[in-house]
Structure formats: C-alpha cells, structure tokens
Amino acid sequence: MGAAFVLTGVLSLTACGPAPWAGGAGGTSAPPSPTRTAAVVPQPVPNDLSSGSTERALQAGAVAAAVNYWSTLSMDQWTPTALKPVSLSLTTTVTPDDGQQVGLQRVSMIAVPANPTETFAPLEAQLDQSNQTAGYPVLAPYSYSQTFNIGEVPAAATHVTLQFTYEFLVQTTPTSAEYAKQTTTDAVRVAIAGGGVAPASED
C-alpha cells in the first residue's frame, strides 16, 4: 500500500511542472509572436477602354485622323479565353483641303499580350485591305468602321496591347489619278480580367 502511494506521488510531480515558457529557473523564454506577412496588393493595370471607349487624334502627313475605339464586351468579361471584340470608327481631314480625296488603303491590328515582367508572342495579325484603287473613302463626311476580334491569350497575361497601322492614299490634285501614301500607327492597351495566373507546373 505504501508503494502505491509513492508511485502516485511521482506521477503527480511529473504532471505538475511549470509551463515550458514560464519564467524562473528551469523555464524558457516566452514563445515568439506570430510573424505577420504583409499582403501584396496588385497594382491596377492601365486600361484605355476603362470608361467604355477612347478617342485618338492621329497625324499622317497632311492627313489628320480622328479614331474612336470601343468594345461591345464589358471589361470584366475580357478574360484570357474569351473572344474579345474591339471596334473602331475613323474619319479624316486634309490640309490644305483643295478638293483632293483621301482613302484608307489598309488597316492592320496586332495584339500583343503581356504582364509587368513578360511580353508574350503576338497573336496573328489581322488586316482589312480595300480592293478599290483609291482605298475606302474616309474624308469627312465619309467614315470607316471595323471590328477586330482578339482570341485567347496566355493566362499569365494581365493586359493586351493592340497595335494599329493605318495606310492612307491622298490624291495629289483634285483631278489627278496619282496618290501619295501616308502611314500612321496607334496603340491601345486593354486590361485582361482575371489575368496574371501562372500556369500549373507539371510533375
């Protein structure tokens, strides 16, 4: 009976020591406070179509072009896999205006996806070329309208830059059959909704 009592006492002493982090002899220092990691807030991506549309004034020699860009697809739907349309309308003036005509011979668009650290391969170029000798008439009040579609871009892309090239033909005189060629370029940047996701690595 005495042996049982002694064993019980030993068990009680073993279970009742000071907490490991308690101060005093035999104790250790208090556990370190949890480390807080600041959340990384992604920077907003500049978006030329954030308000729904954007207007540009371009110059090609004697030709001044007013271009309006917009999309019928809302910006929150411009996801990497969506078919993303961008439309444009264009009209021009010429200085001096002696009665000569201005035509749009060709317009091309190249979409280049990218993120803050990487530029991806451009998508296939799209173009619209007039089969008329003098091009599409674009001297006000005539105008040109077209819609281009941007296909799938890499999931890691946060935006796409649309690079436009406009090639105009300007009649040398009001009665001439000769035309001078003038070219100008423009770039429109559009954010990709939900982009910036790195592809899953393969084991």
N, C-alpha and C. Protein backbone atom coordinates (compact mmCIF):
# COMPACT_ATOMS: atom_id res chain seq x y z
N MET A 1 0.82 -1.19 0.00
CA MET A 1 0.00 0.00 0.00
C MET A 1 0.85 1.23 0.00
N GLY A 2 1.95 1.21 0.75
CA GLY A 2 2.86 2.35 0.74
C GLY A 2 3.50 2.54 -0.61
N ALA A 3 3.82 1.45 -1.32
CA ALA A 3 4.42 1.55 -2.65
C ALA A 3 3.48 2.21 -3.62
N ALA A 4 2.20 1.88 -3.51
CA ALA A 4 1.21 2.51 -4.39
C ALA A 4 1.15 3.98 -4.15
N PHE A 5 1.22 4.42 -2.89
CA PHE A 5 1.17 5.85 -2.57
C PHE A 5 2.36 6.58 -3.13
N VAL A 6 3.53 5.99 -3.03
CA VAL A 6 4.74 6.64 -3.55
C VAL A 6 4.66 6.80 -5.05
N LEU A 7 4.17 5.77 -5.75
CA LEU A 7 4.05 5.85 -7.19
C LEU A 7 3.09 6.93 -7.60
N THR A 8 2.02 7.07 -6.90
CA THR A 8 1.04 8.12 -7.21
C THR A 8 1.68 9.47 -7.04
N GLY A 9 2.46 9.66 -6.00
CA GLY A 9 3.12 10.93 -5.77
C GLY A 9 4.08 11.27 -6.89
N VAL A 10 4.79 10.27 -7.40
CA VAL A 10 5.73 10.52 -8.50
C VAL A 10 4.99 10.97 -9.73
N LEU A 11 3.88 10.31 -10.02
CA LEU A 11 3.08 10.69 -11.18
C LEU A 11 2.57 12.11 -11.04
N SER A 12 2.16 12.50 -9.85
CA SER A 12 1.64 13.85 -9.62
C SER A 12 2.72 14.87 -9.84
N LEU A 13 3.93 14.60 -9.37
CA LEU A 13 5.03 15.55 -9.53
C LEU A 13 5.40 15.70 -11.00
N THR A 14 5.33 14.60 -11.71
CA THR A 14 5.70 14.65 -13.13
C THR A 14 4.71 15.50 -13.91
N ALA A 15 3.46 15.44 -13.56
CA ALA A 15 2.44 16.16 -14.31
C ALA A 15 2.33 17.61 -13.92
N CYS A 16 2.92 18.05 -12.87
CA CYS A 16 2.68 19.38 -12.34
C CYS A 16 3.87 20.30 -12.45
N GLY A 17 4.75 20.17 -13.39
CA GLY A 17 5.88 21.09 -13.54
C GLY A 17 5.43 22.41 -14.12
N PRO A 18 6.31 23.43 -14.10
CA PRO A 18 5.98 24.73 -14.67
C PRO A 18 5.90 24.64 -16.19
N ALA A 19 5.09 25.51 -16.79
CA ALA A 19 4.97 25.54 -18.26
C ALA A 19 6.32 25.85 -18.88
N PRO A 20 6.66 25.26 -20.02
CA PRO A 20 7.97 25.47 -20.63
C PRO A 20 8.29 26.93 -20.88
N TRP A 21 7.29 27.77 -21.10
CA TRP A 21 7.55 29.17 -21.39
C TRP A 21 7.48 30.08 -20.17
N ALA A 22 7.24 29.44 -18.99
CA ALA A 22 7.16 30.25 -17.78
C ALA A 22 8.55 30.72 -17.40
N GLY A 23 8.65 31.88 -16.77
CA GLY A 23 9.94 32.41 -16.34
C GLY A 23 10.46 31.67 -15.13
N GLY A 24 11.61 32.04 -14.68
CA GLY A 24 12.19 31.44 -13.49
C GLY A 24 13.18 30.37 -13.86
N ALA A 25 13.78 29.81 -12.82
CA ALA A 25 14.81 28.80 -13.04
C ALA A 25 14.20 27.60 -13.72
N GLY A 26 14.90 27.08 -14.71
CA GLY A 26 14.41 25.90 -15.41
C GLY A 26 13.44 26.21 -16.51
N GLY A 27 12.92 27.43 -16.54
CA GLY A 27 11.96 27.80 -17.58
C GLY A 27 12.67 28.36 -18.80
N THR A 28 11.95 28.54 -19.86
CA THR A 28 12.50 29.12 -21.08
C THR A 28 11.78 30.43 -21.39
N SER A 29 12.28 31.18 -22.33
CA SER A 29 11.67 32.47 -22.67
C SER A 29 10.33 32.26 -23.34
N ALA A 30 9.55 33.33 -23.40
CA ALA A 30 8.20 33.26 -23.97
C ALA A 30 8.29 32.94 -25.46
N PRO A 31 7.28 32.23 -26.00
CA PRO A 31 7.31 31.89 -27.44
C PRO A 31 7.25 33.16 -28.28
N PRO A 32 7.91 33.15 -29.45
CA PRO A 32 7.90 34.35 -30.30
C PRO A 32 6.51 34.65 -30.81
N SER A 33 6.22 35.92 -31.01
CA SER A 33 4.92 36.32 -31.54
C SER A 33 4.81 35.88 -32.99
N PRO A 34 3.60 35.55 -33.43
CA PRO A 34 3.43 35.13 -34.83
C PRO A 34 3.90 36.23 -35.78
N THR A 35 4.57 35.82 -36.82
CA THR A 35 5.06 36.77 -37.81
C THR A 35 3.96 37.10 -38.80
N ARG A 36 3.74 38.38 -39.02
CA ARG A 36 2.72 38.80 -39.97
C ARG A 36 3.38 39.18 -41.29
N THR A 37 2.86 38.60 -42.37
CA THR A 37 3.36 38.91 -43.71
C THR A 37 2.41 39.87 -44.39
N ALA A 38 2.93 40.99 -44.84
CA ALA A 38 2.07 41.98 -45.48
C ALA A 38 1.56 41.43 -46.81
N ALA A 39 0.27 41.59 -47.05
CA ALA A 39 -0.32 41.13 -48.29
C ALA A 39 0.15 42.01 -49.45
N VAL A 40 0.47 41.37 -50.55
CA VAL A 40 0.90 42.10 -51.73
C VAL A 40 -0.33 42.50 -52.52
N VAL A 41 -0.56 43.80 -52.65
CA VAL A 41 -1.72 44.30 -53.36
C VAL A 41 -1.34 44.53 -54.82
N PRO A 42 -1.99 43.83 -55.76
CA PRO A 42 -1.63 44.00 -57.16
C PRO A 42 -1.91 45.42 -57.64
N GLN A 43 -1.01 45.95 -58.44
CA GLN A 43 -1.19 47.29 -58.97
C GLN A 43 -2.24 47.26 -60.08
N PRO A 44 -3.09 48.28 -60.15
CA PRO A 44 -4.08 48.31 -61.22
C PRO A 44 -3.41 48.40 -62.59
N VAL A 45 -4.01 47.72 -63.56
CA VAL A 45 -3.46 47.71 -64.91
C VAL A 45 -4.08 48.85 -65.70
N PRO A 46 -3.27 49.73 -66.30
CA PRO A 46 -3.83 50.80 -67.13
C PRO A 46 -4.71 50.21 -68.23
N ASN A 47 -5.86 50.82 -68.45
CA ASN A 47 -6.82 50.30 -69.41
C ASN A 47 -7.40 51.47 -70.21
N ASP A 48 -7.08 51.54 -71.49
CA ASP A 48 -7.56 52.64 -72.32
C ASP A 48 -9.06 52.58 -72.56
N LEU A 49 -9.67 51.42 -72.32
CA LEU A 49 -11.12 51.28 -72.52
C LEU A 49 -11.88 51.18 -71.20
N SER A 50 -11.26 51.62 -70.12
CA SER A 50 -11.90 51.51 -68.80
C SER A 50 -13.20 52.30 -68.72
N SER A 51 -13.30 53.38 -69.48
CA SER A 51 -14.53 54.19 -69.48
C SER A 51 -15.50 53.74 -70.57
N GLY A 52 -15.15 52.70 -71.30
CA GLY A 52 -16.01 52.19 -72.36
C GLY A 52 -15.49 52.48 -73.75
N SER A 53 -14.76 53.60 -73.91
CA SER A 53 -14.23 53.95 -75.22
C SER A 53 -13.08 54.93 -75.04
N THR A 54 -12.34 55.14 -76.11
CA THR A 54 -11.28 56.15 -76.09
C THR A 54 -11.16 56.75 -77.48
N GLU A 55 -10.79 58.02 -77.54
CA GLU A 55 -10.64 58.72 -78.81
C GLU A 55 -9.18 59.12 -79.00
N ARG A 56 -8.71 59.05 -80.24
CA ARG A 56 -7.33 59.41 -80.55
C ARG A 56 -7.31 60.36 -81.75
N ALA A 57 -6.35 61.28 -81.73
CA ALA A 57 -6.10 62.16 -82.87
C ALA A 57 -4.75 61.76 -83.45
N LEU A 58 -4.74 61.28 -84.68
CA LEU A 58 -3.53 60.79 -85.33
C LEU A 58 -3.17 61.68 -86.52
N GLN A 59 -1.90 61.73 -86.84
CA GLN A 59 -1.44 62.54 -87.96
C GLN A 59 -0.63 61.67 -88.91
N ALA A 60 -0.94 61.77 -90.20
CA ALA A 60 -0.20 61.05 -91.24
C ALA A 60 0.07 62.04 -92.36
N GLY A 61 1.18 62.76 -92.26
CA GLY A 61 1.47 63.79 -93.26
C GLY A 61 0.42 64.87 -93.23
N ALA A 62 -0.21 65.11 -94.38
CA ALA A 62 -1.26 66.13 -94.48
C ALA A 62 -2.61 65.64 -93.95
N VAL A 63 -2.69 64.38 -93.59
CA VAL A 63 -3.96 63.78 -93.16
C VAL A 63 -4.05 63.76 -91.63
N ALA A 64 -5.15 64.29 -91.11
CA ALA A 64 -5.44 64.20 -89.68
C ALA A 64 -6.61 63.23 -89.50
N ALA A 65 -6.40 62.21 -88.68
CA ALA A 65 -7.43 61.18 -88.49
C ALA A 65 -7.96 61.23 -87.06
N ALA A 66 -9.27 61.17 -86.93
CA ALA A 66 -9.92 61.06 -85.63
C ALA A 66 -10.46 59.64 -85.50
N VAL A 67 -9.96 58.91 -84.50
CA VAL A 67 -10.32 57.50 -84.35
C VAL A 67 -10.99 57.29 -83.00
N ASN A 68 -12.07 56.55 -83.00
CA ASN A 68 -12.77 56.20 -81.77
C ASN A 68 -12.73 54.68 -81.62
N TYR A 69 -12.28 54.18 -80.44
CA TYR A 69 -12.22 52.75 -80.16
C TYR A 69 -13.20 52.41 -79.04
N TRP A 70 -13.83 51.23 -79.13
CA TRP A 70 -14.70 50.76 -78.05
C TRP A 70 -14.86 49.24 -78.17
N SER A 71 -15.49 48.65 -77.16
CA SER A 71 -15.77 47.21 -77.19
C SER A 71 -17.20 46.97 -76.74
N THR A 72 -17.88 46.06 -77.42
CA THR A 72 -19.23 45.69 -77.01
C THR A 72 -19.21 44.68 -75.87
N LEU A 73 -18.03 44.16 -75.54
CA LEU A 73 -17.88 43.23 -74.42
C LEU A 73 -17.42 44.01 -73.20
N SER A 74 -18.13 43.88 -72.09
CA SER A 74 -17.77 44.62 -70.89
C SER A 74 -16.38 44.21 -70.41
N MET A 75 -15.69 45.14 -69.77
CA MET A 75 -14.31 44.91 -69.38
C MET A 75 -14.13 43.74 -68.42
N ASP A 76 -15.13 43.44 -67.59
CA ASP A 76 -15.00 42.31 -66.68
C ASP A 76 -15.12 40.97 -67.39
N GLN A 77 -15.49 41.02 -68.69
CA GLN A 77 -15.58 39.80 -69.49
C GLN A 77 -14.38 39.62 -70.42
N TRP A 78 -13.43 40.55 -70.35
CA TRP A 78 -12.21 40.42 -71.17
C TRP A 78 -11.25 39.45 -70.48
N THR A 79 -11.66 38.18 -70.44
CA THR A 79 -10.85 37.15 -69.78
C THR A 79 -9.87 36.55 -70.78
N PRO A 80 -8.86 35.80 -70.31
CA PRO A 80 -7.86 35.23 -71.23
C PRO A 80 -8.46 34.37 -72.33
N THR A 81 -9.52 33.61 -72.03
CA THR A 81 -10.06 32.67 -73.02
C THR A 81 -11.19 33.24 -73.86
N ALA A 82 -11.73 34.39 -73.50
CA ALA A 82 -12.89 34.94 -74.22
C ALA A 82 -12.49 35.48 -75.59
N LEU A 83 -13.47 35.52 -76.50
CA LEU A 83 -13.29 36.20 -77.78
C LEU A 83 -13.62 37.67 -77.53
N LYS A 84 -12.62 38.52 -77.66
CA LYS A 84 -12.72 39.90 -77.20
C LYS A 84 -12.77 40.86 -78.40
N PRO A 85 -13.95 41.44 -78.71
CA PRO A 85 -14.05 42.34 -79.86
C PRO A 85 -13.64 43.77 -79.52
N VAL A 86 -12.97 44.42 -80.44
CA VAL A 86 -12.69 45.85 -80.32
C VAL A 86 -13.09 46.49 -81.65
N SER A 87 -13.91 47.53 -81.57
CA SER A 87 -14.40 48.21 -82.75
C SER A 87 -13.74 49.57 -82.88
N LEU A 88 -13.72 50.09 -84.10
CA LEU A 88 -13.18 51.43 -84.32
C LEU A 88 -13.95 52.12 -85.43
N SER A 89 -14.00 53.43 -85.34
CA SER A 89 -14.54 54.26 -86.41
C SER A 89 -13.55 55.37 -86.67
N LEU A 90 -13.41 55.77 -87.92
CA LEU A 90 -12.36 56.70 -88.31
C LEU A 90 -12.88 57.65 -89.38
N THR A 91 -12.49 58.91 -89.24
CA THR A 91 -12.75 59.90 -90.28
C THR A 91 -11.54 60.82 -90.36
N THR A 92 -11.35 61.47 -91.50
CA THR A 92 -10.15 62.28 -91.69
C THR A 92 -10.47 63.66 -92.26
N THR A 93 -9.48 64.55 -92.10
CA THR A 93 -9.45 65.83 -92.80
C THR A 93 -8.06 65.95 -93.42
N VAL A 94 -7.92 66.85 -94.41
CA VAL A 94 -6.64 67.03 -95.07
C VAL A 94 -6.32 68.52 -95.16
N THR A 95 -5.05 68.85 -95.00
CA THR A 95 -4.61 70.25 -95.05
C THR A 95 -3.42 70.38 -95.99
N PRO A 96 -3.51 71.30 -97.00
CA PRO A 96 -4.68 72.13 -97.32
C PRO A 96 -5.76 71.30 -98.01
N ASP A 97 -6.98 71.68 -97.83
CA ASP A 97 -8.10 70.99 -98.45
C ASP A 97 -8.42 71.68 -99.77
N ASP A 98 -7.85 71.15 -100.84
CA ASP A 98 -8.06 71.72 -102.18
C ASP A 98 -9.06 70.92 -103.00
N GLY A 99 -9.74 69.98 -102.33
CA GLY A 99 -10.72 69.17 -103.04
C GLY A 99 -10.22 67.78 -103.37
N GLN A 100 -8.99 67.45 -102.98
CA GLN A 100 -8.48 66.11 -103.24
C GLN A 100 -9.12 65.10 -102.30
N GLN A 101 -9.12 63.84 -102.72
CA GLN A 101 -9.74 62.78 -101.94
C GLN A 101 -8.72 62.08 -101.05
N VAL A 102 -9.20 61.51 -99.95
CA VAL A 102 -8.38 60.72 -99.04
C VAL A 102 -9.02 59.35 -98.89
N GLY A 103 -8.23 58.29 -99.08
CA GLY A 103 -8.75 56.95 -98.93
C GLY A 103 -7.91 56.15 -97.94
N LEU A 104 -8.55 55.20 -97.29
CA LEU A 104 -7.84 54.29 -96.38
C LEU A 104 -7.53 53.02 -97.17
N GLN A 105 -6.27 52.81 -97.49
CA GLN A 105 -5.90 51.65 -98.29
C GLN A 105 -5.90 50.37 -97.46
N ARG A 106 -5.36 50.47 -96.23
CA ARG A 106 -5.27 49.27 -95.40
C ARG A 106 -5.17 49.64 -93.94
N VAL A 107 -5.78 48.81 -93.08
CA VAL A 107 -5.61 48.93 -91.63
C VAL A 107 -5.29 47.54 -91.10
N SER A 108 -4.29 47.46 -90.23
CA SER A 108 -3.92 46.17 -89.63
C SER A 108 -3.87 46.30 -88.11
N MET A 109 -4.07 45.17 -87.44
CA MET A 109 -4.06 45.15 -85.98
C MET A 109 -3.30 43.92 -85.51
N ILE A 110 -2.34 44.13 -84.61
CA ILE A 110 -1.60 43.03 -83.98
C ILE A 110 -1.81 43.14 -82.48
N ALA A 111 -2.25 42.05 -81.85
CA ALA A 111 -2.48 42.01 -80.40
C ALA A 111 -1.28 41.37 -79.72
N VAL A 112 -0.71 42.08 -78.74
CA VAL A 112 0.48 41.59 -78.04
C VAL A 112 0.15 41.45 -76.55
N PRO A 113 -0.03 40.22 -76.03
CA PRO A 113 -0.30 40.03 -74.61
C PRO A 113 0.97 40.21 -73.78
N ALA A 114 0.79 40.65 -72.53
CA ALA A 114 1.96 40.86 -71.65
C ALA A 114 1.49 40.95 -70.21
N ASN A 115 2.48 40.94 -69.30
CA ASN A 115 2.25 41.27 -67.89
C ASN A 115 3.43 42.16 -67.47
N PRO A 116 3.50 42.61 -66.22
CA PRO A 116 4.56 43.55 -65.84
C PRO A 116 5.98 43.04 -66.05
N THR A 117 6.17 41.74 -66.15
CA THR A 117 7.53 41.20 -66.26
C THR A 117 7.80 40.45 -67.55
N GLU A 118 6.78 40.23 -68.38
CA GLU A 118 6.97 39.38 -69.55
C GLU A 118 6.07 39.82 -70.69
N THR A 119 6.60 39.78 -71.91
CA THR A 119 5.82 40.02 -73.12
C THR A 119 5.73 38.71 -73.89
N PHE A 120 4.52 38.31 -74.22
CA PHE A 120 4.30 37.03 -74.89
C PHE A 120 4.28 37.22 -76.41
N ALA A 121 4.28 36.10 -77.11
CA ALA A 121 4.27 36.14 -78.57
C ALA A 121 2.99 36.82 -79.05
N PRO A 122 3.09 37.67 -80.06
CA PRO A 122 1.89 38.35 -80.56
C PRO A 122 0.94 37.36 -81.23
N LEU A 123 -0.34 37.70 -81.21
CA LEU A 123 -1.33 36.91 -81.91
C LEU A 123 -1.20 37.20 -83.41
N GLU A 124 -1.80 36.37 -84.22
CA GLU A 124 -1.72 36.55 -85.67
C GLU A 124 -2.29 37.90 -86.08
N ALA A 125 -1.59 38.58 -86.97
CA ALA A 125 -2.03 39.91 -87.42
C ALA A 125 -3.36 39.80 -88.17
N GLN A 126 -4.21 40.82 -87.99
CA GLN A 126 -5.47 40.90 -88.71
C GLN A 126 -5.44 42.18 -89.55
N LEU A 127 -5.99 42.11 -90.75
CA LEU A 127 -5.97 43.30 -91.60
C LEU A 127 -7.22 43.39 -92.46
N ASP A 128 -7.50 44.60 -92.86
CA ASP A 128 -8.58 44.89 -93.79
C ASP A 128 -8.00 45.76 -94.88
N GLN A 129 -7.97 45.26 -96.09
CA GLN A 129 -7.39 45.99 -97.20
C GLN A 129 -8.46 46.26 -98.26
N SER A 130 -8.51 47.50 -98.71
CA SER A 130 -9.50 47.89 -99.71
C SER A 130 -9.11 47.35 -101.07
N ASN A 131 -10.12 46.93 -101.84
CA ASN A 131 -9.86 46.50 -103.22
C ASN A 131 -10.16 47.63 -104.20
N GLN A 132 -10.40 48.81 -103.67
CA GLN A 132 -10.61 49.98 -104.51
C GLN A 132 -9.26 50.68 -104.76
N THR A 133 -9.08 51.21 -105.94
CA THR A 133 -7.81 51.84 -106.29
C THR A 133 -7.45 52.96 -105.33
N ALA A 134 -8.42 53.76 -104.94
CA ALA A 134 -8.17 54.90 -104.06
C ALA A 134 -8.41 54.59 -102.60
N GLY A 135 -8.70 53.33 -102.27
CA GLY A 135 -8.97 52.96 -100.88
C GLY A 135 -10.39 53.30 -100.46
N TYR A 136 -10.71 52.97 -99.21
CA TYR A 136 -12.02 53.33 -98.68
C TYR A 136 -12.08 54.85 -98.49
N PRO A 137 -13.12 55.54 -98.97
CA PRO A 137 -13.19 56.98 -98.75
C PRO A 137 -13.39 57.29 -97.27
N VAL A 138 -12.50 58.12 -96.72
CA VAL A 138 -12.58 58.44 -95.28
C VAL A 138 -12.52 59.95 -95.03
N LEU A 139 -12.54 60.76 -96.08
CA LEU A 139 -12.53 62.20 -95.89
C LEU A 139 -13.92 62.62 -95.46
N ALA A 140 -14.00 63.36 -94.33
CA ALA A 140 -15.30 63.76 -93.80
C ALA A 140 -16.14 64.38 -94.92
N PRO A 141 -17.44 64.02 -95.01
CA PRO A 141 -18.24 63.31 -94.00
C PRO A 141 -18.19 61.78 -94.09
N TYR A 142 -17.38 61.20 -94.98
CA TYR A 142 -17.29 59.75 -95.06
C TYR A 142 -16.45 59.22 -93.89
N SER A 143 -16.76 57.99 -93.48
CA SER A 143 -16.04 57.40 -92.36
C SER A 143 -15.83 55.91 -92.61
N TYR A 144 -14.97 55.33 -91.81
CA TYR A 144 -14.65 53.90 -91.90
C TYR A 144 -14.92 53.27 -90.54
N SER A 145 -15.52 52.08 -90.55
CA SER A 145 -15.78 51.34 -89.30
C SER A 145 -15.39 49.88 -89.49
N GLN A 146 -14.87 49.28 -88.42
CA GLN A 146 -14.45 47.88 -88.48
C GLN A 146 -14.40 47.32 -87.06
N THR A 147 -14.52 45.99 -86.96
CA THR A 147 -14.38 45.30 -85.68
C THR A 147 -13.35 44.19 -85.83
N PHE A 148 -12.39 44.16 -84.91
CA PHE A 148 -11.40 43.09 -84.86
C PHE A 148 -11.65 42.27 -83.60
N ASN A 149 -11.34 40.98 -83.66
CA ASN A 149 -11.55 40.09 -82.51
C ASN A 149 -10.22 39.56 -82.00
N ILE A 150 -10.02 39.70 -80.69
CA ILE A 150 -8.80 39.21 -80.05
C ILE A 150 -9.14 37.85 -79.42
N GLY A 151 -8.40 36.84 -79.82
CA GLY A 151 -8.66 35.49 -79.32
C GLY A 151 -8.01 35.22 -77.98
N GLU A 152 -7.76 33.96 -77.71
CA GLU A 152 -7.22 33.54 -76.40
C GLU A 152 -5.79 34.04 -76.22
N VAL A 153 -5.52 34.51 -75.01
CA VAL A 153 -4.18 34.96 -74.64
C VAL A 153 -3.70 34.13 -73.45
N PRO A 154 -2.39 34.10 -73.17
CA PRO A 154 -1.89 33.32 -72.04
C PRO A 154 -2.56 33.73 -70.71
N ALA A 155 -2.77 32.74 -69.85
CA ALA A 155 -3.41 33.00 -68.56
C ALA A 155 -2.60 33.96 -67.71
N ALA A 156 -1.29 34.03 -67.92
CA ALA A 156 -0.43 34.91 -67.13
C ALA A 156 -0.46 36.35 -67.63
N ALA A 157 -1.14 36.62 -68.74
CA ALA A 157 -1.20 37.99 -69.27
C ALA A 157 -2.15 38.85 -68.43
N THR A 158 -1.72 40.05 -68.13
CA THR A 158 -2.58 40.99 -67.39
C THR A 158 -3.17 42.06 -68.31
N HIS A 159 -2.63 42.19 -69.51
CA HIS A 159 -3.16 43.16 -70.47
C HIS A 159 -2.74 42.76 -71.87
N VAL A 160 -3.37 43.38 -72.84
CA VAL A 160 -3.01 43.17 -74.23
C VAL A 160 -2.92 44.53 -74.91
N THR A 161 -1.86 44.73 -75.68
CA THR A 161 -1.67 45.98 -76.42
C THR A 161 -2.04 45.74 -77.87
N LEU A 162 -2.98 46.54 -78.36
CA LEU A 162 -3.45 46.42 -79.73
C LEU A 162 -2.71 47.45 -80.57
N GLN A 163 -1.88 46.98 -81.47
CA GLN A 163 -1.06 47.85 -82.31
C GLN A 163 -1.72 48.00 -83.68
N PHE A 164 -2.17 49.23 -83.99
CA PHE A 164 -2.87 49.51 -85.24
C PHE A 164 -1.94 50.26 -86.19
N THR A 165 -2.04 49.92 -87.47
CA THR A 165 -1.34 50.65 -88.53
C THR A 165 -2.36 51.07 -89.58
N TYR A 166 -2.36 52.37 -89.91
CA TYR A 166 -3.29 52.92 -90.89
C TYR A 166 -2.50 53.44 -92.09
N GLU A 167 -2.89 53.01 -93.29
CA GLU A 167 -2.22 53.43 -94.51
C GLU A 167 -3.22 54.19 -95.39
N PHE A 168 -2.94 55.46 -95.61
CA PHE A 168 -3.84 56.33 -96.37
C PHE A 168 -3.28 56.62 -97.76
N LEU A 169 -4.18 56.88 -98.71
CA LEU A 169 -3.84 57.34 -100.04
C LEU A 169 -4.45 58.73 -100.22
N VAL A 170 -3.60 59.71 -100.55
CA VAL A 170 -4.05 61.09 -100.72
C VAL A 170 -3.89 61.48 -102.18
N GLN A 171 -4.97 61.90 -102.79
CA GLN A 171 -4.93 62.32 -104.18
C GLN A 171 -4.01 63.55 -104.30
N THR A 172 -3.08 63.51 -105.24
CA THR A 172 -2.10 64.61 -105.34
C THR A 172 -2.75 65.93 -105.76
N THR A 173 -3.73 65.87 -106.64
CA THR A 173 -4.54 67.04 -107.01
C THR A 173 -5.97 66.57 -107.19
N PRO A 174 -6.93 67.47 -107.14
CA PRO A 174 -8.33 67.05 -107.25
C PRO A 174 -8.67 66.30 -108.52
N THR A 175 -7.87 66.47 -109.57
CA THR A 175 -8.17 65.80 -110.83
C THR A 175 -7.15 64.73 -111.19
N SER A 176 -6.20 64.47 -110.31
CA SER A 176 -5.11 63.55 -110.62
C SER A 176 -5.51 62.10 -110.37
N ALA A 177 -4.90 61.21 -111.14
CA ALA A 177 -5.06 59.77 -110.91
C ALA A 177 -3.93 59.22 -110.06
N GLU A 178 -3.06 60.10 -109.56
CA GLU A 178 -1.94 59.68 -108.73
C GLU A 178 -2.25 59.97 -107.25
N TYR A 179 -1.72 59.09 -106.38
CA TYR A 179 -1.99 59.19 -104.95
C TYR A 179 -0.68 59.08 -104.16
N ALA A 180 -0.61 59.84 -103.12
CA ALA A 180 0.54 59.76 -102.20
C ALA A 180 0.13 58.91 -101.00
N LYS A 181 1.05 58.08 -100.55
CA LYS A 181 0.77 57.20 -99.42
C LYS A 181 1.28 57.82 -98.12
N GLN A 182 0.43 57.81 -97.09
CA GLN A 182 0.78 58.32 -95.76
C GLN A 182 0.41 57.25 -94.73
N THR A 183 1.27 57.01 -93.76
CA THR A 183 1.05 55.95 -92.76
C THR A 183 1.17 56.50 -91.35
N THR A 184 0.34 55.99 -90.47
CA THR A 184 0.43 56.34 -89.05
C THR A 184 0.08 55.11 -88.22
N THR A 185 0.50 55.12 -86.97
CA THR A 185 0.26 53.98 -86.08
C THR A 185 -0.37 54.45 -84.78
N ASP A 186 -0.95 53.51 -84.05
CA ASP A 186 -1.55 53.80 -82.75
C ASP A 186 -1.50 52.52 -81.91
N ALA A 187 -1.57 52.68 -80.60
CA ALA A 187 -1.57 51.53 -79.68
C ALA A 187 -2.63 51.74 -78.61
N VAL A 188 -3.43 50.71 -78.40
CA VAL A 188 -4.49 50.74 -77.39
C VAL A 188 -4.25 49.59 -76.42
N ARG A 189 -4.17 49.92 -75.12
CA ARG A 189 -3.92 48.90 -74.10
C ARG A 189 -5.22 48.58 -73.38
N VAL A 190 -5.51 47.27 -73.26
CA VAL A 190 -6.74 46.82 -72.60
C VAL A 190 -6.37 45.78 -71.53
N ALA A 191 -6.93 45.94 -70.34
CA ALA A 191 -6.64 45.00 -69.24
C ALA A 191 -7.34 43.67 -69.48
N ILE A 192 -6.72 42.60 -69.01
CA ILE A 192 -7.31 41.26 -69.06
C ILE A 192 -7.89 40.93 -67.69
N ALA A 193 -9.18 40.67 -67.64
CA ALA A 193 -9.86 40.36 -66.38
C ALA A 193 -9.46 38.97 -65.90
N GLY A 194 -8.99 38.89 -64.66
CA GLY A 194 -8.59 37.59 -64.11
C GLY A 194 -7.28 37.08 -64.64
N GLY A 195 -6.53 37.93 -65.37
CA GLY A 195 -5.25 37.50 -65.90
C GLY A 195 -4.17 37.54 -64.84
N GLY A 196 -2.98 37.12 -65.20
CA GLY A 196 -1.85 37.11 -64.27
C GLY A 196 -1.71 35.82 -63.50
N VAL A 197 -2.43 34.78 -63.92
CA VAL A 197 -2.36 33.48 -63.23
C VAL A 197 -1.30 32.63 -63.90
N ALA A 198 -0.29 32.24 -63.13
CA ALA A 198 0.78 31.41 -63.68
C ALA A 198 0.25 30.01 -63.98
N PRO A 199 0.66 29.40 -65.09
CA PRO A 199 0.20 28.05 -65.40
C PRO A 199 0.72 27.04 -64.38
N ALA A 200 -0.07 26.03 -64.11
CA ALA A 200 0.31 24.99 -63.14
C ALA A 200 1.51 24.22 -63.68
N SER A 201 2.49 23.96 -62.79
CA SER A 201 3.68 23.21 -63.20
C SER A 201 3.34 21.74 -63.32
N GLU A 202 4.02 21.08 -64.24
CA GLU A 202 3.79 19.65 -64.46
C GLU A 202 4.85 18.86 -63.68
N ASP A 203 4.37 17.84 -62.96
CA ASP A 203 5.29 16.99 -62.20
C ASP A 203 5.99 16.02 -63.13
